[in-house]
Amino acid sequence: MPRMLAHLARNPRVGMLGQHLWFGRTTLMLSYWRSPEHLQRFASDRDAPHLEPWRRFTRRIGGDGTVGIWHETYQASPGQREVVYVDMPDFGLGGVMGVEPVGRGTATARQRLRRGAEEDSQ
C-alpha cells in the first residue's frame, strides 16, 4: 500500500484526487478519483503498483477468510453532492474538491443542490 500511494502522489495524472487512511482492528482507506474510468485504468495497469500485488494477495490469502475486502465505487454527477462541515477542517470530499461557505438561512440543501446543478450545466 505505501508503494502504491507514493506512486499515486507522484503521478496526479493517474486520477486519484486524495485519500484518507485509518488503521486499527479494521483498516480503512477512502480514496477520491477523477472518474470511475481513472480508477479502473489504474487498477488494471500492468505497469502500476496495484495489479501484481493484488494478484499475489488473492493467490496467497484471498478467499481463506482471514482478511476481508470491502470495495465500493460511487459516481457523483456535478451538482449532485453536498458535504456539510460544522466546526471542523475540510475533510473527505470537500477536502479534495474544495468547499464553499454556506451562510445561515441562505438556502436549504435542496436549493443549494439545484443551484449547483444549474451552474454546472452552463
Protein backbone atom coordinates (compact mmCIF):
# COMPACT_ATOMS: atom_id res chain seq x y z
CA MET A 1 0.00 0.00 0.00
CA PRO A 2 2.72 2.58 0.78
CA ARG A 3 4.36 1.98 -2.62
CA MET A 4 1.03 2.36 -4.41
CA LEU A 5 0.14 5.58 -2.53
CA ALA A 6 3.58 7.06 -3.24
CA HIS A 7 3.14 6.26 -6.95
CA LEU A 8 -0.28 7.95 -6.97
CA ALA A 9 1.05 11.03 -5.17
CA ARG A 10 3.90 11.36 -7.71
CA ASN A 11 1.56 10.87 -10.68
CA PRO A 12 -1.58 13.03 -10.32
CA ARG A 13 -2.48 12.41 -13.98
CA VAL A 14 -3.46 8.85 -12.93
CA GLY A 15 -6.56 10.42 -11.42
CA MET A 16 -6.60 9.94 -7.65
CA LEU A 17 -7.67 13.25 -6.11
CA GLY A 18 -6.98 12.36 -2.48
CA GLN A 19 -7.28 9.70 0.19
CA HIS A 20 -7.60 9.07 3.92
CA LEU A 21 -6.31 6.07 5.87
CA TRP A 22 -7.47 4.75 9.23
CA PHE A 23 -5.52 1.96 10.96
CA GLY A 24 -6.87 -0.23 13.73
CA ARG A 25 -8.68 -3.53 14.15
CA THR A 26 -10.42 -2.53 10.94
CA THR A 27 -8.17 -0.75 8.46
CA LEU A 28 -9.91 1.54 6.05
CA MET A 29 -8.78 3.52 3.03
CA LEU A 30 -11.10 6.04 1.45
CA SER A 31 -10.00 7.44 -1.91
CA TYR A 32 -11.40 10.00 -4.31
CA TRP A 33 -10.87 9.67 -8.06
CA ARG A 34 -11.44 11.95 -11.03
CA SER A 35 -13.71 9.29 -12.59
CA PRO A 36 -14.50 5.56 -12.38
CA GLU A 37 -12.56 5.16 -15.63
CA HIS A 38 -9.41 6.61 -13.99
CA LEU A 39 -9.78 4.16 -11.09
CA GLN A 40 -10.36 1.16 -13.38
CA ARG A 41 -7.47 2.11 -15.65
CA PHE A 42 -5.10 2.34 -12.66
CA ALA A 43 -6.35 -0.92 -11.13
CA SER A 44 -5.71 -2.86 -14.35
CA ASP A 45 -2.44 -1.15 -15.39
CA ARG A 46 0.30 -3.82 -15.51
CA ASP A 47 2.98 -1.14 -15.00
CA ALA A 48 1.36 0.45 -11.94
CA PRO A 49 1.93 -0.87 -8.39
CA HIS A 50 -1.54 -2.35 -7.89
CA LEU A 51 -2.35 -5.19 -10.26
CA GLU A 52 0.52 -7.56 -9.46
CA PRO A 53 0.34 -7.08 -5.64
CA TRP A 54 -3.43 -7.63 -5.85
CA ARG A 55 -2.90 -10.85 -7.81
CA ARG A 56 -0.31 -12.05 -5.26
CA PHE A 57 -2.69 -11.22 -2.41
CA THR A 58 -5.57 -13.17 -3.96
CA ARG A 59 -3.32 -16.18 -4.60
CA ARG A 60 -1.90 -16.21 -1.06
CA ILE A 61 -4.78 -15.02 1.12
CA GLY A 62 -7.87 -14.23 -0.93
CA GLY A 63 -10.80 -16.41 -0.01
CA ASP A 64 -9.38 -18.10 3.10
CA GLY A 65 -11.43 -15.92 5.48
CA THR A 66 -8.54 -14.25 7.31
CA VAL A 67 -8.82 -10.90 5.52
CA GLY A 68 -11.99 -9.31 4.25
CA ILE A 69 -12.02 -6.76 1.45
CA TRP A 70 -14.78 -4.20 1.12
CA HIS A 71 -14.81 -2.08 -2.05
CA GLU A 72 -17.50 0.35 -3.17
CA THR A 73 -17.49 2.81 -6.06
CA TYR A 74 -19.91 5.70 -6.32
CA GLN A 75 -20.16 8.19 -9.13
CA ALA A 76 -21.38 11.69 -8.20
CA SER A 77 -22.54 13.86 -11.06
CA PRO A 78 -21.73 17.59 -10.97
CA GLY A 79 -24.19 19.45 -8.80
CA GLN A 80 -25.42 16.22 -7.19
CA ARG A 81 -23.45 16.21 -3.96
CA GLU A 82 -23.29 18.20 -0.77
CA VAL A 83 -20.85 17.90 2.11
CA VAL A 84 -21.51 19.93 5.25
CA TYR A 85 -18.80 20.82 7.76
CA VAL A 86 -19.52 22.48 11.10
CA ASP A 87 -16.56 23.49 13.25
CA MET A 88 -14.09 21.14 11.63
CA PRO A 89 -11.42 21.33 8.92
CA ASP A 90 -12.11 20.49 5.29
CA PHE A 91 -12.12 16.71 5.04
CA GLY A 92 -13.30 13.95 2.75
CA LEU A 93 -14.91 15.06 -0.50
CA GLY A 94 -14.75 18.73 0.50
CA GLY A 95 -11.03 18.35 1.22
CA VAL A 96 -10.28 17.18 -2.31
CA MET A 97 -12.93 19.12 -4.27
CA GLY A 98 -12.92 22.37 -2.30
CA VAL A 99 -15.60 23.97 -0.16
CA GLU A 100 -17.90 26.94 -0.39
CA PRO A 101 -19.21 28.63 2.78
CA VAL A 102 -22.95 28.39 3.33
CA GLY A 103 -24.47 31.32 5.21
CA ARG A 104 -27.06 30.72 7.87
CA GLY A 105 -30.53 30.73 6.38
CA THR A 106 -29.40 31.46 2.81
CA ALA A 107 -30.73 28.26 1.27
CA THR A 108 -31.83 24.75 2.04
CA ALA A 109 -29.79 21.75 0.94
CA ARG A 110 -32.31 21.16 -1.88
CA GLN A 111 -31.91 24.77 -3.08
CA ARG A 112 -28.10 24.58 -2.93
CA LEU A 113 -28.04 21.32 -4.91
CA ARG A 114 -30.44 22.70 -7.50
CA ARG A 115 -28.33 25.87 -7.84
CA GLY A 116 -25.14 23.78 -8.15
CA ALA A 117 -26.67 21.63 -10.88
CA GLU A 118 -27.78 24.71 -12.79
CA GLU A 119 -24.30 26.28 -12.54
CA ASP A 120 -22.62 23.05 -13.67
CA SER A 121 -24.89 22.75 -16.72
CA GLN A 122 -23.97 26.22 -18.00
